[in-house]
Amino acid sequence: MKQLGKRILILSEDKKSSQYYFKSFKKDEKLKRKLSAVDIEVYQPEDYSPVGLVIEAIAKKKEAKKANNEYDLIWVVLDKDGHANMTKAYDMAVSNDIKFGLSIKCFEYWIILHFEKTRKAFTTCDEAIKHLKKNHIKDYEKSNNVFDELKPLLDSAIKNGKWLEKEVNKSMPKGDKIYNQSAYTKLHELVEFLIDPYKS
């Protein structure tokens, strides 16, 4: 039986590294056949603050429903680094069934998890990038597409991301929120879907 196509929307605050990364799944020779019936939209709205991303996601969700062409998944991909109104953005996303793809401090934490299992807390995104360049990708820049280099390590990244999420949830004080933690990412869940969108 032919599988029905799926639609996924990814709204990113990042014009470069994360957009390059997620767009590359659809272009990859090995993955594009599996994703041939999957419509992946990745873009950055004009207001790419946390609240702006979620507001745009809600608007896109309503538009798609009105057009009878709903998304199967909507993700906002964002960093904790320096942003205000994270509480409002998170609550809005949860109440509207929008996936909150937060990385603390930034997207580069997810890249680091391709190479190592860690809960290391970085005070800034620059510090995370410095760690990445020193230990794993010496010539890393946000303007570079490193997907091909990371692709063989996707399974490790997913495994390490799941481990990190479990560890953070286990040690998080009762009543605290995920966006208050010192190290975190949810991107393994999104990547797992992109690798196999029809996995039951």
C-alpha atoms as a PDB file:
ATOM      1  CA  MET A   1       0.000   0.000   0.000  1.00  0.00           C
ATOM      2  CA  LYS A   2       1.328   3.418  -0.956  1.00  0.00           C
ATOM      3  CA  GLN A   3       2.047   5.633   2.008  1.00  0.00           C
ATOM      4  CA  LEU A   4       0.446   9.044   2.087  1.00  0.00           C
ATOM      5  CA  GLY A   5       2.744  12.035   1.993  1.00  0.00           C
ATOM      6  CA  LYS A   6       3.589  13.897   5.138  1.00  0.00           C
ATOM      7  CA  ARG A   7       4.047  17.606   5.659  1.00  0.00           C
ATOM      8  CA  ILE A   8       6.477  19.075   8.147  1.00  0.00           C
ATOM      9  CA  LEU A   9       7.188  22.723   8.853  1.00  0.00           C
ATOM     10  CA  ILE A  10      10.412  23.806  10.564  1.00  0.00           C
ATOM     11  CA  LEU A  11      10.681  27.445  11.596  1.00  0.00           C
ATOM     12  CA  SER A  12      14.218  28.384  12.546  1.00  0.00           C
ATOM     13  CA  GLU A  13      15.665  31.471  14.182  1.00  0.00           C
ATOM     14  CA  ASP A  14      18.999  30.677  12.548  1.00  0.00           C
ATOM     15  CA  LYS A  15      19.633  31.781   8.952  1.00  0.00           C
ATOM     16  CA  LYS A  16      22.651  29.534   8.535  1.00  0.00           C
ATOM     17  CA  SER A  17      23.796  26.458  10.477  1.00  0.00           C
ATOM     18  CA  SER A  18      20.495  24.866  11.503  1.00  0.00           C
ATOM     19  CA  GLN A  19      18.761  25.741   8.221  1.00  0.00           C
ATOM     20  CA  TYR A  20      21.599  24.210   6.184  1.00  0.00           C
ATOM     21  CA  TYR A  21      21.494  21.129   8.386  1.00  0.00           C
ATOM     22  CA  PHE A  22      17.752  20.438   8.122  1.00  0.00           C
ATOM     23  CA  LYS A  23      17.467  21.284   4.427  1.00  0.00           C
ATOM     24  CA  SER A  24      20.248  18.773   3.712  1.00  0.00           C
ATOM     25  CA  PHE A  25      18.112  15.790   4.747  1.00  0.00           C
ATOM     26  CA  LYS A  26      15.892  16.260   1.707  1.00  0.00           C
ATOM     27  CA  LYS A  27      18.914  16.615  -0.622  1.00  0.00           C
ATOM     28  CA  ASP A  28      20.907  13.673   0.711  1.00  0.00           C
ATOM     29  CA  GLU A  29      21.235  10.830  -1.809  1.00  0.00           C
ATOM     30  CA  LYS A  30      20.460   8.102   0.714  1.00  0.00           C
ATOM     31  CA  LEU A  31      17.626   9.872   2.512  1.00  0.00           C
ATOM     32  CA  LYS A  32      15.841  11.676  -0.311  1.00  0.00           C
ATOM     33  CA  ARG A  33      14.110   8.526  -1.582  1.00  0.00           C
ATOM     34  CA  LYS A  34      12.667   7.866   1.869  1.00  0.00           C
ATOM     35  CA  LEU A  35      11.699  11.535   2.088  1.00  0.00           C
ATOM     36  CA  SER A  36      10.362  11.792  -1.462  1.00  0.00           C
ATOM     37  CA  ALA A  37       6.756  11.937  -0.238  1.00  0.00           C
ATOM     38  CA  VAL A  38       7.613  14.241   2.659  1.00  0.00           C
ATOM     39  CA  ASP A  39       7.187  17.975   2.174  1.00  0.00           C
ATOM     40  CA  ILE A  40       9.770  19.678   4.395  1.00  0.00           C
ATOM     41  CA  GLU A  41       9.573  23.455   4.646  1.00  0.00           C
ATOM     42  CA  VAL A  42      12.422  25.167   6.482  1.00  0.00           C
ATOM     43  CA  TYR A  43      12.489  28.918   6.760  1.00  0.00           C
ATOM     44  CA  GLN A  44      12.981  31.896   9.040  1.00  0.00           C
ATOM     45  CA  PRO A  45      10.145  34.378   9.588  1.00  0.00           C
ATOM     46  CA  GLU A  46      10.761  38.133   9.877  1.00  0.00           C
ATOM     47  CA  ASP A  47      10.299  38.016  13.648  1.00  0.00           C
ATOM     48  CA  TYR A  48      12.547  35.151  14.689  1.00  0.00           C
ATOM     49  CA  SER A  49      12.422  35.804  18.425  1.00  0.00           C
ATOM     50  CA  PRO A  50      11.088  32.820  20.409  1.00  0.00           C
ATOM     51  CA  VAL A  51       7.589  34.330  20.632  1.00  0.00           C
ATOM     52  CA  GLY A  52       7.755  35.482  17.002  1.00  0.00           C
ATOM     53  CA  LEU A  53       8.599  31.966  15.839  1.00  0.00           C
ATOM     54  CA  VAL A  54       5.689  30.452  17.734  1.00  0.00           C
ATOM     55  CA  ILE A  55       3.232  33.131  16.569  1.00  0.00           C
ATOM     56  CA  GLU A  56       4.270  32.438  12.961  1.00  0.00           C
ATOM     57  CA  ALA A  57       3.943  28.683  13.552  1.00  0.00           C
ATOM     58  CA  ILE A  58       0.406  29.132  14.901  1.00  0.00           C
ATOM     59  CA  ALA A  59      -0.514  31.305  11.910  1.00  0.00           C
ATOM     60  CA  LYS A  60       0.898  28.748   9.457  1.00  0.00           C
ATOM     61  CA  LYS A  61      -0.975  25.978  11.236  1.00  0.00           C
ATOM     62  CA  LYS A  62      -4.275  27.869  10.919  1.00  0.00           C
ATOM     63  CA  GLU A  63      -3.617  28.662   7.229  1.00  0.00           C
ATOM     64  CA  ALA A  64      -2.884  25.008   6.471  1.00  0.00           C
ATOM     65  CA  LYS A  65      -6.016  23.842   8.281  1.00  0.00           C
ATOM     66  CA  LYS A  66      -8.144  26.389   6.418  1.00  0.00           C
ATOM     67  CA  ALA A  67      -6.682  25.159   3.108  1.00  0.00           C
ATOM     68  CA  ASN A  68      -7.376  21.545   4.135  1.00  0.00           C
ATOM     69  CA  ASN A  69      -3.657  20.799   3.841  1.00  0.00           C
ATOM     70  CA  GLU A  70      -2.573  20.405   7.460  1.00  0.00           C
ATOM     71  CA  TYR A  71       0.965  19.772   8.654  1.00  0.00           C
ATOM     72  CA  ASP A  72       1.762  16.475  10.354  1.00  0.00           C
ATOM     73  CA  LEU A  73       4.387  18.203  12.459  1.00  0.00           C
ATOM     74  CA  ILE A  74       5.383  21.788  13.154  1.00  0.00           C
ATOM     75  CA  TRP A  75       8.674  22.521  14.879  1.00  0.00           C
ATOM     76  CA  VAL A  76      10.198  25.770  16.053  1.00  0.00           C
ATOM     77  CA  VAL A  77      13.984  25.430  16.254  1.00  0.00           C
ATOM     78  CA  LEU A  78      15.622  27.946  18.552  1.00  0.00           C
ATOM     79  CA  ASP A  79      18.457  28.642  20.955  1.00  0.00           C
ATOM     80  CA  LYS A  80      18.331  29.683  24.607  1.00  0.00           C
ATOM     81  CA  ASP A  81      21.308  31.992  24.143  1.00  0.00           C
ATOM     82  CA  GLY A  82      20.322  35.503  25.213  1.00  0.00           C
ATOM     83  CA  HIS A  83      16.585  35.319  24.490  1.00  0.00           C
ATOM     84  CA  ALA A  84      13.824  36.821  26.603  1.00  0.00           C
ATOM     85  CA  ASN A  85      10.191  35.654  26.813  1.00  0.00           C
ATOM     86  CA  MET A  86      11.137  31.981  26.665  1.00  0.00           C
ATOM     87  CA  THR A  87       8.367  31.118  29.138  1.00  0.00           C
ATOM     88  CA  LYS A  88       5.693  32.728  26.971  1.00  0.00           C
ATOM     89  CA  ALA A  89       7.044  31.082  23.799  1.00  0.00           C
ATOM     90  CA  TYR A  90       7.195  27.649  25.427  1.00  0.00           C
ATOM     91  CA  ASP A  91       3.672  27.865  26.888  1.00  0.00           C
ATOM     92  CA  MET A  92       2.233  29.071  23.565  1.00  0.00           C
ATOM     93  CA  ALA A  93       3.931  26.244  21.670  1.00  0.00           C
ATOM     94  CA  VAL A  94       2.749  23.546  24.081  1.00  0.00           C
ATOM     95  CA  SER A  95      -0.849  24.814  24.122  1.00  0.00           C
ATOM     96  CA  ASN A  96      -0.928  24.835  20.295  1.00  0.00           C
ATOM     97  CA  ASP A  97       0.660  21.397  19.787  1.00  0.00           C
ATOM     98  CA  ILE A  98       3.831  22.836  18.258  1.00  0.00           C
ATOM     99  CA  LYS A  99       7.131  21.058  18.914  1.00  0.00           C
ATOM    100  CA  PHE A 100       9.609  23.190  20.838  1.00  0.00           C
ATOM    101  CA  GLY A 101      13.053  22.362  19.427  1.00  0.00           C
ATOM    102  CA  LEU A 102      15.092  24.197  22.021  1.00  0.00           C
ATOM    103  CA  SER A 103      18.872  23.879  22.289  1.00  0.00           C
ATOM    104  CA  ILE A 104      20.749  25.230  25.303  1.00  0.00           C
ATOM    105  CA  LYS A 105      22.822  27.237  24.730  1.00  0.00           C
ATOM    106  CA  CYS A 106      22.561  26.935  20.955  1.00  0.00           C
ATOM    107  CA  PHE A 107      22.273  24.681  17.897  1.00  0.00           C
ATOM    108  CA  GLU A 108      25.975  23.870  18.168  1.00  0.00           C
ATOM    109  CA  TYR A 109      25.207  21.836  21.297  1.00  0.00           C
ATOM    110  CA  TRP A 110      23.325  19.415  19.042  1.00  0.00           C
ATOM    111  CA  ILE A 111      26.356  19.257  16.730  1.00  0.00           C
ATOM    112  CA  ILE A 112      28.619  18.480  19.693  1.00  0.00           C
ATOM    113  CA  LEU A 113      26.353  15.549  20.599  1.00  0.00           C
ATOM    114  CA  HIS A 114      27.222  13.935  17.267  1.00  0.00           C
ATOM    115  CA  PHE A 115      30.725  13.451  18.677  1.00  0.00           C
ATOM    116  CA  GLU A 116      30.354  13.049  22.441  1.00  0.00           C
ATOM    117  CA  LYS A 117      27.966  12.218  25.253  1.00  0.00           C
ATOM    118  CA  THR A 118      28.034  15.261  27.495  1.00  0.00           C
ATOM    119  CA  ARG A 119      26.087  17.446  29.893  1.00  0.00           C
ATOM    120  CA  LYS A 120      28.704  20.175  29.764  1.00  0.00           C
ATOM    121  CA  ALA A 121      27.129  23.577  30.361  1.00  0.00           C
ATOM    122  CA  PHE A 122      28.275  26.471  28.185  1.00  0.00           C
ATOM    123  CA  THR A 123      27.704  30.042  29.336  1.00  0.00           C
ATOM    124  CA  THR A 124      27.451  31.374  25.766  1.00  0.00           C
ATOM    125  CA  CYS A 125      27.060  30.064  22.235  1.00  0.00           C
ATOM    126  CA  ASP A 126      30.573  31.327  21.430  1.00  0.00           C
ATOM    127  CA  GLU A 127      31.895  29.071  24.186  1.00  0.00           C
ATOM    128  CA  ALA A 128      30.090  26.064  22.661  1.00  0.00           C
ATOM    129  CA  ILE A 129      31.490  26.888  19.213  1.00  0.00           C
ATOM    130  CA  LYS A 130      34.987  27.203  20.676  1.00  0.00           C
ATOM    131  CA  HIS A 131      34.608  23.727  22.227  1.00  0.00           C
ATOM    132  CA  LEU A 132      33.348  22.326  18.920  1.00  0.00           C
ATOM    133  CA  LYS A 133      36.274  23.816  16.971  1.00  0.00           C
ATOM    134  CA  LYS A 134      38.879  22.745  19.493  1.00  0.00           C
ATOM    135  CA  ASN A 135      37.685  19.145  19.828  1.00  0.00           C
ATOM    136  CA  HIS A 136      35.774  18.137  16.707  1.00  0.00           C
ATOM    137  CA  ILE A 137      35.496  20.432  13.651  1.00  0.00           C
ATOM    138  CA  LYS A 138      38.522  22.736  13.543  1.00  0.00           C
ATOM    139  CA  ASP A 139      37.254  24.922  10.705  1.00  0.00           C
ATOM    140  CA  TYR A 140      33.627  25.134  11.880  1.00  0.00           C
ATOM    141  CA  GLU A 141      31.745  28.328  11.075  1.00  0.00           C
ATOM    142  CA  LYS A 142      27.998  28.996  11.264  1.00  0.00           C
ATOM    143  CA  SER A 143      28.067  29.788   7.550  1.00  0.00           C
ATOM    144  CA  ASN A 144      29.346  26.273   6.696  1.00  0.00           C
ATOM    145  CA  ASN A 145      27.097  23.322   5.919  1.00  0.00           C
ATOM    146  CA  VAL A 146      28.583  20.465   7.957  1.00  0.00           C
ATOM    147  CA  PHE A 147      25.801  17.945   7.295  1.00  0.00           C
ATOM    148  CA  ASP A 148      27.964  15.576   5.210  1.00  0.00           C
ATOM    149  CA  GLU A 149      30.544  15.437   7.986  1.00  0.00           C
ATOM    150  CA  LEU A 150      27.872  14.804  10.620  1.00  0.00           C
ATOM    151  CA  LYS A 151      25.730  12.333   8.682  1.00  0.00           C
ATOM    152  CA  PRO A 152      27.728   9.181   9.664  1.00  0.00           C
ATOM    153  CA  LEU A 153      27.281  10.244  13.300  1.00  0.00           C
ATOM    154  CA  LEU A 154      23.496  10.745  13.283  1.00  0.00           C
ATOM    155  CA  ASP A 155      22.798   7.565  15.255  1.00  0.00           C
ATOM    156  CA  SER A 156      25.271   8.633  17.934  1.00  0.00           C
ATOM    157  CA  ALA A 157      23.744  12.118  18.082  1.00  0.00           C
ATOM    158  CA  ILE A 158      20.244  10.695  18.552  1.00  0.00           C
ATOM    159  CA  LYS A 159      21.444   8.287  21.236  1.00  0.00           C
ATOM    160  CA  ASN A 160      23.345  11.049  23.054  1.00  0.00           C
ATOM    161  CA  GLY A 161      20.419  13.462  22.732  1.00  0.00           C
ATOM    162  CA  LYS A 162      18.028  10.940  24.271  1.00  0.00           C
ATOM    163  CA  TRP A 163      20.502  10.275  27.065  1.00  0.00           C
ATOM    164  CA  LEU A 164      20.891  13.997  27.754  1.00  0.00           C
ATOM    165  CA  GLU A 165      17.139  14.600  27.805  1.00  0.00           C
ATOM    166  CA  LYS A 166      16.652  11.706  30.230  1.00  0.00           C
ATOM    167  CA  GLU A 167      19.451  12.920  32.507  1.00  0.00           C
ATOM    168  CA  VAL A 168      18.160  16.495  32.539  1.00  0.00           C
ATOM    169  CA  ASN A 169      14.587  15.415  33.265  1.00  0.00           C
ATOM    170  CA  LYS A 170      15.809  13.116  36.037  1.00  0.00           C
ATOM    171  CA  SER A 171      17.772  15.842  37.818  1.00  0.00           C
ATOM    172  CA  MET A 172      15.433  18.784  37.161  1.00  0.00           C
ATOM    173  CA  PRO A 173      13.800  20.166  40.317  1.00  0.00           C
ATOM    174  CA  LYS A 174      10.073  19.492  40.554  1.00  0.00           C
ATOM    175  CA  GLY A 175       8.068  22.264  38.954  1.00  0.00           C
ATOM    176  CA  ASP A 176      11.044  23.665  37.037  1.00  0.00           C
ATOM    177  CA  LYS A 177      10.952  24.124  33.258  1.00  0.00           C
ATOM    178  CA  ILE A 178      13.246  22.688  30.617  1.00  0.00           C
ATOM    179  CA  TYR A 179      14.270  26.122  29.326  1.00  0.00           C
ATOM    180  CA  ASN A 180      15.835  26.945  32.718  1.00  0.00           C
ATOM    181  CA  GLN A 181      18.386  24.130  32.447  1.00  0.00           C
ATOM    182  CA  SER A 182      22.076  24.624  31.682  1.00  0.00           C
ATOM    183  CA  ALA A 183      22.350  22.013  28.902  1.00  0.00           C
ATOM    184  CA  TYR A 184      19.583  20.580  26.735  1.00  0.00           C
ATOM    185  CA  THR A 185      18.364  19.803  23.245  1.00  0.00           C
ATOM    186  CA  LYS A 186      15.230  18.257  21.768  1.00  0.00           C
ATOM    187  CA  LEU A 187      16.533  17.990  18.209  1.00  0.00           C
ATOM    188  CA  HIS A 188      17.122  14.237  18.336  1.00  0.00           C
ATOM    189  CA  GLU A 189      13.342  13.800  18.124  1.00  0.00           C
ATOM    190  CA  LEU A 190      13.122  15.905  14.962  1.00  0.00           C
ATOM    191  CA  VAL A 191      16.125  14.199  13.351  1.00  0.00           C
ATOM    192  CA  GLU A 192      14.732  10.758  14.165  1.00  0.00           C
ATOM    193  CA  PHE A 193      11.582  11.707  12.254  1.00  0.00           C
ATOM    194  CA  LEU A 194      13.583  13.009   9.281  1.00  0.00           C
ATOM    195  CA  ILE A 195      15.588   9.782   9.079  1.00  0.00           C
ATOM    196  CA  ASP A 196      12.456   7.631   9.102  1.00  0.00           C
ATOM    197  CA  PRO A 197       9.188   9.608   8.866  1.00  0.00           C
ATOM    198  CA  TYR A 198       7.056   6.464   8.524  1.00  0.00           C
ATOM    199  CA  LYS A 199       8.442   4.601  11.503  1.00  0.00           C
ATOM    200  CA  SER A 200       5.551   3.387  13.612  1.00  0.00           C
END
